[in-house]
Amino acid sequence: MKQYWDEQIERVAKLRQTIVARGDAIEQGRVVPDATDLVIGTGRQLDMAVMFLDLCGFSSRPSETLQEQDMLLRVLNLFFTEMIKIAEEYGGVVEKNTGDGLMAYFNDGEGIPPENGCKRAITCALTMMFANAHLINPIIRASNMEEFKFRIGIDYGKVTVSQLGAARRFGSLVAIGTRANIACKMLNVASENEIVIGESVKLQLPLDWQANYVMLKQEQSGWTYRATGAPYRYYLYHGRWKQPQ
């Protein structure tokens, strides 16, 4: 035990020296990096919308027997394959799949034609909702399983996408910044099949979108503006795609 502790002290001391000697760990960027763009312990800061999707009631689904687990795996594969494809079609980068949810980035200036991240995140969320209702859930119901319902949280601002882990063994991209934290915490107030957005997202949307499809969800979110102390508000985006005629 003493030998292991001594080795651990030495290892941490060397790692600290390496981190200090590295200089600036974060650079400004224009596009979301992938794992090969960053070395461990570095990041790239961008203005982006961060989306969290969370399946509702996932832990209560039957998954005890082999048959139940097999069926759950099949429908999860169907659901997430399509959700990830939709995110990518809107110029999003999926950072993680948590088993019952996913996280995606939408940085400004991406897409064809180029568009701001908030508009692309919103339209992506709407397409996910529509595809789930009209494509995924009919298949799930036909399999005698409870249909999928999910909620989405989106916030916007400066976020650093960084690479953390152990060199040459394990590394993963993570989002560092208040906006990513807020988007995740929004899921606590979002009900099933709701899209909850932060005030910064609302202000990035066209005025007609704000007037017709955005309503106040929560005045006191627990977050405040540092400069003024005013509450940072959550809003509900209630617009939805219509069935093509």
C-alpha atoms as a PDB file:
ATOM      1  CA  MET A   1       0.000   0.000   0.000  1.00  0.00           C
ATOM      2  CA  LYS A   2       2.790   2.432   0.895  1.00  0.00           C
ATOM      3  CA  GLN A   3       4.604   1.672  -2.374  1.00  0.00           C
ATOM      4  CA  TYR A   4       1.443   2.257  -4.437  1.00  0.00           C
ATOM      5  CA  TRP A   5       0.794   5.560  -2.651  1.00  0.00           C
ATOM      6  CA  ASP A   6       4.340   6.764  -3.293  1.00  0.00           C
ATOM      7  CA  GLU A   7       4.035   5.869  -6.978  1.00  0.00           C
ATOM      8  CA  GLN A   8       0.704   7.671  -7.173  1.00  0.00           C
ATOM      9  CA  ILE A   9       2.187  10.826  -5.642  1.00  0.00           C
ATOM     10  CA  GLU A  10       4.989  10.759  -8.204  1.00  0.00           C
ATOM     11  CA  ARG A  11       2.573  10.158 -11.083  1.00  0.00           C
ATOM     12  CA  VAL A  12       0.310  13.075 -10.113  1.00  0.00           C
ATOM     13  CA  ALA A  13       3.295  15.391  -9.636  1.00  0.00           C
ATOM     14  CA  LYS A  14       4.580  14.587 -13.138  1.00  0.00           C
ATOM     15  CA  LEU A  15       1.133  15.101 -14.650  1.00  0.00           C
ATOM     16  CA  ARG A  16       0.836  18.483 -12.908  1.00  0.00           C
ATOM     17  CA  GLN A  17       4.174  19.576 -14.357  1.00  0.00           C
ATOM     18  CA  THR A  18       3.069  18.521 -17.845  1.00  0.00           C
ATOM     19  CA  ILE A  19      -0.202  20.439 -17.555  1.00  0.00           C
ATOM     20  CA  VAL A  20       1.509  23.591 -16.272  1.00  0.00           C
ATOM     21  CA  ALA A  21       4.128  23.464 -19.035  1.00  0.00           C
ATOM     22  CA  ARG A  22       1.503  23.149 -21.765  1.00  0.00           C
ATOM     23  CA  GLY A  23       0.549  26.838 -21.765  1.00  0.00           C
ATOM     24  CA  ASP A  24      -2.851  27.818 -23.145  1.00  0.00           C
ATOM     25  CA  ALA A  25      -5.065  24.741 -23.165  1.00  0.00           C
ATOM     26  CA  ILE A  26      -8.032  26.370 -24.917  1.00  0.00           C
ATOM     27  CA  GLU A  27      -8.103  27.980 -28.350  1.00  0.00           C
ATOM     28  CA  GLN A  28     -10.881  29.768 -30.202  1.00  0.00           C
ATOM     29  CA  GLY A  29     -12.456  27.736 -32.969  1.00  0.00           C
ATOM     30  CA  ARG A  30     -14.927  27.811 -35.840  1.00  0.00           C
ATOM     31  CA  VAL A  31     -15.922  24.142 -36.062  1.00  0.00           C
ATOM     32  CA  VAL A  32     -16.572  21.483 -33.446  1.00  0.00           C
ATOM     33  CA  PRO A  33     -13.429  19.331 -33.100  1.00  0.00           C
ATOM     34  CA  ASP A  34     -13.454  15.567 -33.176  1.00  0.00           C
ATOM     35  CA  ALA A  35     -11.363  13.308 -30.982  1.00  0.00           C
ATOM     36  CA  THR A  36      -8.420  13.343 -33.388  1.00  0.00           C
ATOM     37  CA  ASP A  37      -8.237  17.164 -33.448  1.00  0.00           C
ATOM     38  CA  LEU A  38      -7.348  17.561 -29.768  1.00  0.00           C
ATOM     39  CA  VAL A  39      -4.719  16.114 -27.503  1.00  0.00           C
ATOM     40  CA  ILE A  40      -5.647  15.112 -23.960  1.00  0.00           C
ATOM     41  CA  GLY A  41      -6.200  18.171 -21.775  1.00  0.00           C
ATOM     42  CA  THR A  42      -6.880  20.710 -24.542  1.00  0.00           C
ATOM     43  CA  GLY A  43     -10.062  22.254 -25.882  1.00  0.00           C
ATOM     44  CA  ARG A  44     -11.651  24.568 -28.419  1.00  0.00           C
ATOM     45  CA  GLN A  45     -14.167  27.287 -27.531  1.00  0.00           C
ATOM     46  CA  LEU A  46     -17.096  28.057 -29.816  1.00  0.00           C
ATOM     47  CA  ASP A  47     -20.426  29.858 -29.813  1.00  0.00           C
ATOM     48  CA  MET A  48     -22.908  27.023 -30.020  1.00  0.00           C
ATOM     49  CA  ALA A  49     -26.275  25.625 -29.075  1.00  0.00           C
ATOM     50  CA  VAL A  50     -26.074  22.566 -26.826  1.00  0.00           C
ATOM     51  CA  MET A  51     -28.928  20.065 -26.941  1.00  0.00           C
ATOM     52  CA  PHE A  52     -29.735  17.322 -24.455  1.00  0.00           C
ATOM     53  CA  LEU A  53     -32.328  14.662 -25.290  1.00  0.00           C
ATOM     54  CA  ASP A  54     -33.623  12.426 -22.509  1.00  0.00           C
ATOM     55  CA  LEU A  55     -36.005   9.470 -22.816  1.00  0.00           C
ATOM     56  CA  CYS A  56     -38.780   9.707 -20.238  1.00  0.00           C
ATOM     57  CA  GLY A  57     -39.475   6.774 -17.904  1.00  0.00           C
ATOM     58  CA  PHE A  58     -36.609   4.745 -19.294  1.00  0.00           C
ATOM     59  CA  SER A  59     -35.600   3.118 -15.989  1.00  0.00           C
ATOM     60  CA  SER A  60     -39.130   1.793 -15.417  1.00  0.00           C
ATOM     61  CA  ARG A  61     -39.232  -0.160 -18.675  1.00  0.00           C
ATOM     62  CA  PRO A  62     -39.231  -3.956 -18.270  1.00  0.00           C
ATOM     63  CA  SER A  63     -35.682  -5.202 -18.833  1.00  0.00           C
ATOM     64  CA  GLU A  64     -35.223  -8.158 -16.492  1.00  0.00           C
ATOM     65  CA  THR A  65     -35.379 -11.149 -18.811  1.00  0.00           C
ATOM     66  CA  LEU A  66     -33.244 -11.906 -21.854  1.00  0.00           C
ATOM     67  CA  GLN A  67     -36.262 -11.423 -24.103  1.00  0.00           C
ATOM     68  CA  GLU A  68     -37.066  -8.033 -22.562  1.00  0.00           C
ATOM     69  CA  GLN A  69     -33.479  -6.884 -22.890  1.00  0.00           C
ATOM     70  CA  ASP A  70     -33.339  -8.115 -26.467  1.00  0.00           C
ATOM     71  CA  MET A  71     -36.455  -6.181 -27.453  1.00  0.00           C
ATOM     72  CA  LEU A  72     -35.295  -3.055 -25.627  1.00  0.00           C
ATOM     73  CA  LEU A  73     -31.951  -3.197 -27.405  1.00  0.00           C
ATOM     74  CA  ARG A  74     -33.676  -3.467 -30.768  1.00  0.00           C
ATOM     75  CA  VAL A  75     -35.967  -0.471 -30.272  1.00  0.00           C
ATOM     76  CA  LEU A  76     -33.169   1.623 -28.731  1.00  0.00           C
ATOM     77  CA  ASN A  77     -31.029   0.868 -31.768  1.00  0.00           C
ATOM     78  CA  LEU A  78     -33.865   1.952 -34.056  1.00  0.00           C
ATOM     79  CA  PHE A  79     -34.530   5.128 -32.065  1.00  0.00           C
ATOM     80  CA  PHE A  80     -30.975   6.371 -31.547  1.00  0.00           C
ATOM     81  CA  THR A  81     -29.770   5.496 -35.041  1.00  0.00           C
ATOM     82  CA  GLU A  82     -32.481   7.746 -36.467  1.00  0.00           C
ATOM     83  CA  MET A  83     -32.054  10.520 -33.860  1.00  0.00           C
ATOM     84  CA  ILE A  84     -28.299  10.696 -34.455  1.00  0.00           C
ATOM     85  CA  LYS A  85     -28.854  10.741 -38.221  1.00  0.00           C
ATOM     86  CA  ILE A  86     -31.298  13.642 -37.853  1.00  0.00           C
ATOM     87  CA  ALA A  87     -28.840  15.596 -35.686  1.00  0.00           C
ATOM     88  CA  GLU A  88     -26.098  15.120 -38.265  1.00  0.00           C
ATOM     89  CA  GLU A  89     -28.402  16.179 -41.109  1.00  0.00           C
ATOM     90  CA  TYR A  90     -28.916  19.497 -39.318  1.00  0.00           C
ATOM     91  CA  GLY A  91     -25.164  20.026 -38.999  1.00  0.00           C
ATOM     92  CA  GLY A  92     -25.025  18.826 -35.401  1.00  0.00           C
ATOM     93  CA  VAL A  93     -22.227  16.854 -33.784  1.00  0.00           C
ATOM     94  CA  VAL A  94     -23.351  14.147 -31.365  1.00  0.00           C
ATOM     95  CA  GLU A  95     -20.966  14.168 -28.420  1.00  0.00           C
ATOM     96  CA  LYS A  96     -22.339  11.283 -26.395  1.00  0.00           C
ATOM     97  CA  ASN A  97     -25.026   8.648 -26.198  1.00  0.00           C
ATOM     98  CA  THR A  98     -25.875   7.957 -22.563  1.00  0.00           C
ATOM     99  CA  GLY A  99     -28.093   4.925 -23.133  1.00  0.00           C
ATOM    100  CA  ASP A 100     -31.299   6.834 -22.413  1.00  0.00           C
ATOM    101  CA  GLY A 101     -30.351  10.107 -24.076  1.00  0.00           C
ATOM    102  CA  LEU A 102     -27.860  12.010 -26.175  1.00  0.00           C
ATOM    103  CA  MET A 103     -26.030  15.324 -26.319  1.00  0.00           C
ATOM    104  CA  ALA A 104     -25.337  17.280 -29.501  1.00  0.00           C
ATOM    105  CA  TYR A 105     -23.601  20.528 -30.460  1.00  0.00           C
ATOM    106  CA  PHE A 106     -24.778  23.005 -33.107  1.00  0.00           C
ATOM    107  CA  ASN A 107     -22.159  25.681 -33.674  1.00  0.00           C
ATOM    108  CA  ASP A 108     -22.855  28.872 -35.594  1.00  0.00           C
ATOM    109  CA  GLY A 109     -22.233  29.007 -39.324  1.00  0.00           C
ATOM    110  CA  GLU A 110     -22.666  25.300 -40.088  1.00  0.00           C
ATOM    111  CA  GLY A 111     -25.243  23.595 -42.274  1.00  0.00           C
ATOM    112  CA  ILE A 112     -26.325  24.057 -45.882  1.00  0.00           C
ATOM    113  CA  PRO A 113     -27.070  26.911 -46.167  1.00  0.00           C
ATOM    114  CA  PRO A 114     -25.055  28.160 -43.173  1.00  0.00           C
ATOM    115  CA  GLU A 115     -27.265  29.081 -40.234  1.00  0.00           C
ATOM    116  CA  ASN A 116     -26.953  29.924 -36.559  1.00  0.00           C
ATOM    117  CA  GLY A 117     -26.788  27.061 -34.111  1.00  0.00           C
ATOM    118  CA  CYS A 118     -30.018  27.877 -32.289  1.00  0.00           C
ATOM    119  CA  LYS A 119     -32.220  27.700 -35.398  1.00  0.00           C
ATOM    120  CA  ARG A 120     -30.628  24.422 -36.430  1.00  0.00           C
ATOM    121  CA  ALA A 121     -30.987  22.946 -32.930  1.00  0.00           C
ATOM    122  CA  ILE A 122     -34.675  23.900 -32.777  1.00  0.00           C
ATOM    123  CA  THR A 123     -35.484  22.541 -36.236  1.00  0.00           C
ATOM    124  CA  CYS A 124     -33.530  19.391 -35.406  1.00  0.00           C
ATOM    125  CA  ALA A 125     -35.581  18.934 -32.216  1.00  0.00           C
ATOM    126  CA  LEU A 126     -38.826  19.418 -34.167  1.00  0.00           C
ATOM    127  CA  THR A 127     -37.764  16.808 -36.729  1.00  0.00           C
ATOM    128  CA  MET A 128     -36.834  14.391 -33.938  1.00  0.00           C
ATOM    129  CA  MET A 129     -40.276  14.850 -32.351  1.00  0.00           C
ATOM    130  CA  PHE A 130     -42.036  14.345 -35.689  1.00  0.00           C
ATOM    131  CA  ALA A 131     -40.001  11.270 -36.651  1.00  0.00           C
ATOM    132  CA  ASN A 132     -40.570   9.709 -33.244  1.00  0.00           C
ATOM    133  CA  ALA A 133     -44.333  10.226 -33.407  1.00  0.00           C
ATOM    134  CA  HIS A 134     -44.880   9.172 -37.019  1.00  0.00           C
ATOM    135  CA  LEU A 135     -42.076   6.701 -37.791  1.00  0.00           C
ATOM    136  CA  ILE A 136     -40.551   5.216 -34.635  1.00  0.00           C
ATOM    137  CA  ASN A 137     -43.521   4.831 -32.289  1.00  0.00           C
ATOM    138  CA  PRO A 138     -45.784   3.032 -34.791  1.00  0.00           C
ATOM    139  CA  ILE A 139     -43.099   0.338 -35.068  1.00  0.00           C
ATOM    140  CA  ILE A 140     -42.694   0.172 -31.272  1.00  0.00           C
ATOM    141  CA  ARG A 141     -46.458  -0.131 -30.742  1.00  0.00           C
ATOM    142  CA  ALA A 142     -46.611  -2.913 -33.311  1.00  0.00           C
ATOM    143  CA  SER A 143     -44.032  -4.745 -31.179  1.00  0.00           C
ATOM    144  CA  ASN A 144     -46.383  -4.524 -28.167  1.00  0.00           C
ATOM    145  CA  MET A 145     -44.043  -2.190 -26.324  1.00  0.00           C
ATOM    146  CA  GLU A 146     -44.687   1.158 -24.699  1.00  0.00           C
ATOM    147  CA  GLU A 147     -43.933   3.987 -27.108  1.00  0.00           C
ATOM    148  CA  PHE A 148     -41.002   6.348 -26.588  1.00  0.00           C
ATOM    149  CA  LYS A 149     -41.506   9.814 -25.162  1.00  0.00           C
ATOM    150  CA  PHE A 150     -38.650  12.220 -24.616  1.00  0.00           C
ATOM    151  CA  ARG A 151     -37.818  15.771 -23.578  1.00  0.00           C
ATOM    152  CA  ILE A 152     -35.243  18.193 -24.916  1.00  0.00           C
ATOM    153  CA  GLY A 153     -33.260  21.043 -23.341  1.00  0.00           C
ATOM    154  CA  ILE A 154     -31.310  23.575 -25.423  1.00  0.00           C
ATOM    155  CA  ASP A 155     -29.099  26.482 -24.376  1.00  0.00           C
ATOM    156  CA  TYR A 156     -26.672  28.726 -26.258  1.00  0.00           C
ATOM    157  CA  GLY A 157     -23.378  30.473 -25.554  1.00  0.00           C
ATOM    158  CA  LYS A 158     -19.650  29.957 -25.347  1.00  0.00           C
ATOM    159  CA  VAL A 159     -18.749  26.320 -24.737  1.00  0.00           C
ATOM    160  CA  THR A 160     -15.352  24.640 -24.737  1.00  0.00           C
ATOM    161  CA  VAL A 161     -15.262  21.203 -26.336  1.00  0.00           C
ATOM    162  CA  SER A 162     -12.326  19.438 -24.708  1.00  0.00           C
ATOM    163  CA  GLN A 163     -10.572  16.103 -24.753  1.00  0.00           C
ATOM    164  CA  LEU A 164     -10.208  14.452 -21.348  1.00  0.00           C
ATOM    165  CA  GLY A 165      -8.902  11.061 -20.327  1.00  0.00           C
ATOM    166  CA  ALA A 166      -5.663   9.139 -20.297  1.00  0.00           C
ATOM    167  CA  ALA A 167      -3.268   9.405 -23.225  1.00  0.00           C
ATOM    168  CA  ARG A 168      -3.174   6.397 -25.599  1.00  0.00           C
ATOM    169  CA  ARG A 169      -5.751   4.479 -23.540  1.00  0.00           C
ATOM    170  CA  PHE A 170      -8.972   6.358 -23.026  1.00  0.00           C
ATOM    171  CA  GLY A 171     -10.212   9.747 -24.086  1.00  0.00           C
ATOM    172  CA  SER A 172     -13.561  11.387 -24.685  1.00  0.00           C
ATOM    173  CA  LEU A 173     -14.915  14.750 -25.731  1.00  0.00           C
ATOM    174  CA  VAL A 174     -16.689  16.723 -23.025  1.00  0.00           C
ATOM    175  CA  ALA A 175     -18.410  20.107 -23.001  1.00  0.00           C
ATOM    176  CA  ILE A 176     -17.157  22.633 -20.458  1.00  0.00           C
ATOM    177  CA  GLY A 177     -19.186  25.748 -19.748  1.00  0.00           C
ATOM    178  CA  THR A 178     -22.264  27.080 -18.023  1.00  0.00           C
ATOM    179  CA  ARG A 179     -24.399  26.726 -21.149  1.00  0.00           C
ATOM    180  CA  ALA A 180     -23.872  22.975 -21.310  1.00  0.00           C
ATOM    181  CA  ASN A 181     -24.730  22.697 -17.615  1.00  0.00           C
ATOM    182  CA  ILE A 182     -27.909  24.736 -18.061  1.00  0.00           C
ATOM    183  CA  ALA A 183     -29.068  22.676 -21.053  1.00  0.00           C
ATOM    184  CA  CYS A 184     -28.663  19.505 -19.004  1.00  0.00           C
ATOM    185  CA  LYS A 185     -30.436  20.933 -15.929  1.00  0.00           C
ATOM    186  CA  MET A 186     -33.393  22.014 -18.098  1.00  0.00           C
ATOM    187  CA  LEU A 187     -34.396  18.373 -18.327  1.00  0.00           C
ATOM    188  CA  ASN A 188     -35.429  18.562 -14.673  1.00  0.00           C
ATOM    189  CA  VAL A 189     -38.243  20.985 -15.534  1.00  0.00           C
ATOM    190  CA  ALA A 190     -39.163  19.651 -18.990  1.00  0.00           C
ATOM    191  CA  SER A 191     -42.144  17.323 -19.277  1.00  0.00           C
ATOM    192  CA  GLU A 192     -42.412  14.544 -21.809  1.00  0.00           C
ATOM    193  CA  ASN A 193     -42.485  15.699 -25.442  1.00  0.00           C
ATOM    194  CA  GLU A 194     -41.458  19.248 -24.479  1.00  0.00           C
ATOM    195  CA  ILE A 195     -38.671  21.412 -25.912  1.00  0.00           C
ATOM    196  CA  VAL A 196     -37.325  23.772 -23.243  1.00  0.00           C
ATOM    197  CA  ILE A 197     -34.903  26.522 -24.271  1.00  0.00           C
ATOM    198  CA  GLY A 198     -32.838  29.109 -22.442  1.00  0.00           C
ATOM    199  CA  GLU A 199     -33.338  32.845 -22.811  1.00  0.00           C
ATOM    200  CA  SER A 200     -30.155  33.084 -24.890  1.00  0.00           C
ATOM    201  CA  VAL A 201     -31.656  30.638 -27.406  1.00  0.00           C
ATOM    202  CA  LYS A 202     -34.907  32.607 -27.572  1.00  0.00           C
ATOM    203  CA  LEU A 203     -33.025  35.805 -28.393  1.00  0.00           C
ATOM    204  CA  GLN A 204     -31.217  34.096 -31.302  1.00  0.00           C
ATOM    205  CA  LEU A 205     -34.458  33.032 -32.988  1.00  0.00           C
ATOM    206  CA  PRO A 206     -36.338  35.034 -35.661  1.00  0.00           C
ATOM    207  CA  LEU A 207     -38.884  37.445 -34.189  1.00  0.00           C
ATOM    208  CA  ASP A 208     -41.845  35.602 -35.723  1.00  0.00           C
ATOM    209  CA  TRP A 209     -40.656  32.347 -34.129  1.00  0.00           C
ATOM    210  CA  GLN A 210     -40.448  34.098 -30.772  1.00  0.00           C
ATOM    211  CA  ALA A 211     -43.907  35.641 -31.138  1.00  0.00           C
ATOM    212  CA  ASN A 212     -45.725  32.532 -32.367  1.00  0.00           C
ATOM    213  CA  TYR A 213     -43.975  29.545 -30.820  1.00  0.00           C
ATOM    214  CA  VAL A 214     -42.201  30.622 -27.611  1.00  0.00           C
ATOM    215  CA  MET A 215     -43.788  31.065 -24.182  1.00  0.00           C
ATOM    216  CA  LEU A 216     -42.348  31.507 -20.702  1.00  0.00           C
ATOM    217  CA  LYS A 217     -41.776  28.208 -18.931  1.00  0.00           C
ATOM    218  CA  GLN A 218     -40.026  29.237 -15.714  1.00  0.00           C
ATOM    219  CA  GLU A 219     -39.140  32.720 -14.452  1.00  0.00           C
ATOM    220  CA  GLN A 220     -36.786  31.525 -11.718  1.00  0.00           C
ATOM    221  CA  SER A 221     -34.527  28.848 -13.149  1.00  0.00           C
ATOM    222  CA  GLY A 222     -31.928  29.039 -10.397  1.00  0.00           C
ATOM    223  CA  TRP A 223     -29.492  30.745 -12.787  1.00  0.00           C
ATOM    224  CA  THR A 224     -28.869  34.494 -12.903  1.00  0.00           C
ATOM    225  CA  TYR A 225     -26.997  36.932 -15.117  1.00  0.00           C
ATOM    226  CA  ARG A 226     -23.648  37.720 -13.514  1.00  0.00           C
ATOM    227  CA  ALA A 227     -23.659  41.391 -14.578  1.00  0.00           C
ATOM    228  CA  THR A 228     -27.178  42.282 -13.368  1.00  0.00           C
ATOM    229  CA  GLY A 229     -28.316  39.519 -11.038  1.00  0.00           C
ATOM    230  CA  ALA A 230     -31.530  39.218 -13.088  1.00  0.00           C
ATOM    231  CA  PRO A 231     -33.005  35.711 -13.389  1.00  0.00           C
ATOM    232  CA  TYR A 232     -32.169  33.642 -16.443  1.00  0.00           C
ATOM    233  CA  ARG A 233     -35.503  32.432 -17.814  1.00  0.00           C
ATOM    234  CA  TYR A 234     -36.524  29.137 -19.357  1.00  0.00           C
ATOM    235  CA  TYR A 235     -38.966  29.093 -22.271  1.00  0.00           C
ATOM    236  CA  LEU A 236     -41.122  26.463 -23.912  1.00  0.00           C
ATOM    237  CA  TYR A 237     -40.898  26.098 -27.679  1.00  0.00           C
ATOM    238  CA  HIS A 238     -44.366  24.751 -28.580  1.00  0.00           C
ATOM    239  CA  GLY A 239     -44.284  24.843 -32.372  1.00  0.00           C
ATOM    240  CA  ARG A 240     -44.431  21.476 -34.159  1.00  0.00           C
ATOM    241  CA  TRP A 241     -44.071  20.201 -37.727  1.00  0.00           C
ATOM    242  CA  LYS A 242     -47.294  19.316 -39.527  1.00  0.00           C
ATOM    243  CA  GLN A 243     -47.867  16.122 -41.465  1.00  0.00           C
ATOM    244  CA  PRO A 244     -46.919  16.667 -45.145  1.00  0.00           C
ATOM    245  CA  GLN A 245     -49.989  16.742 -47.415  1.00  0.00           C
END
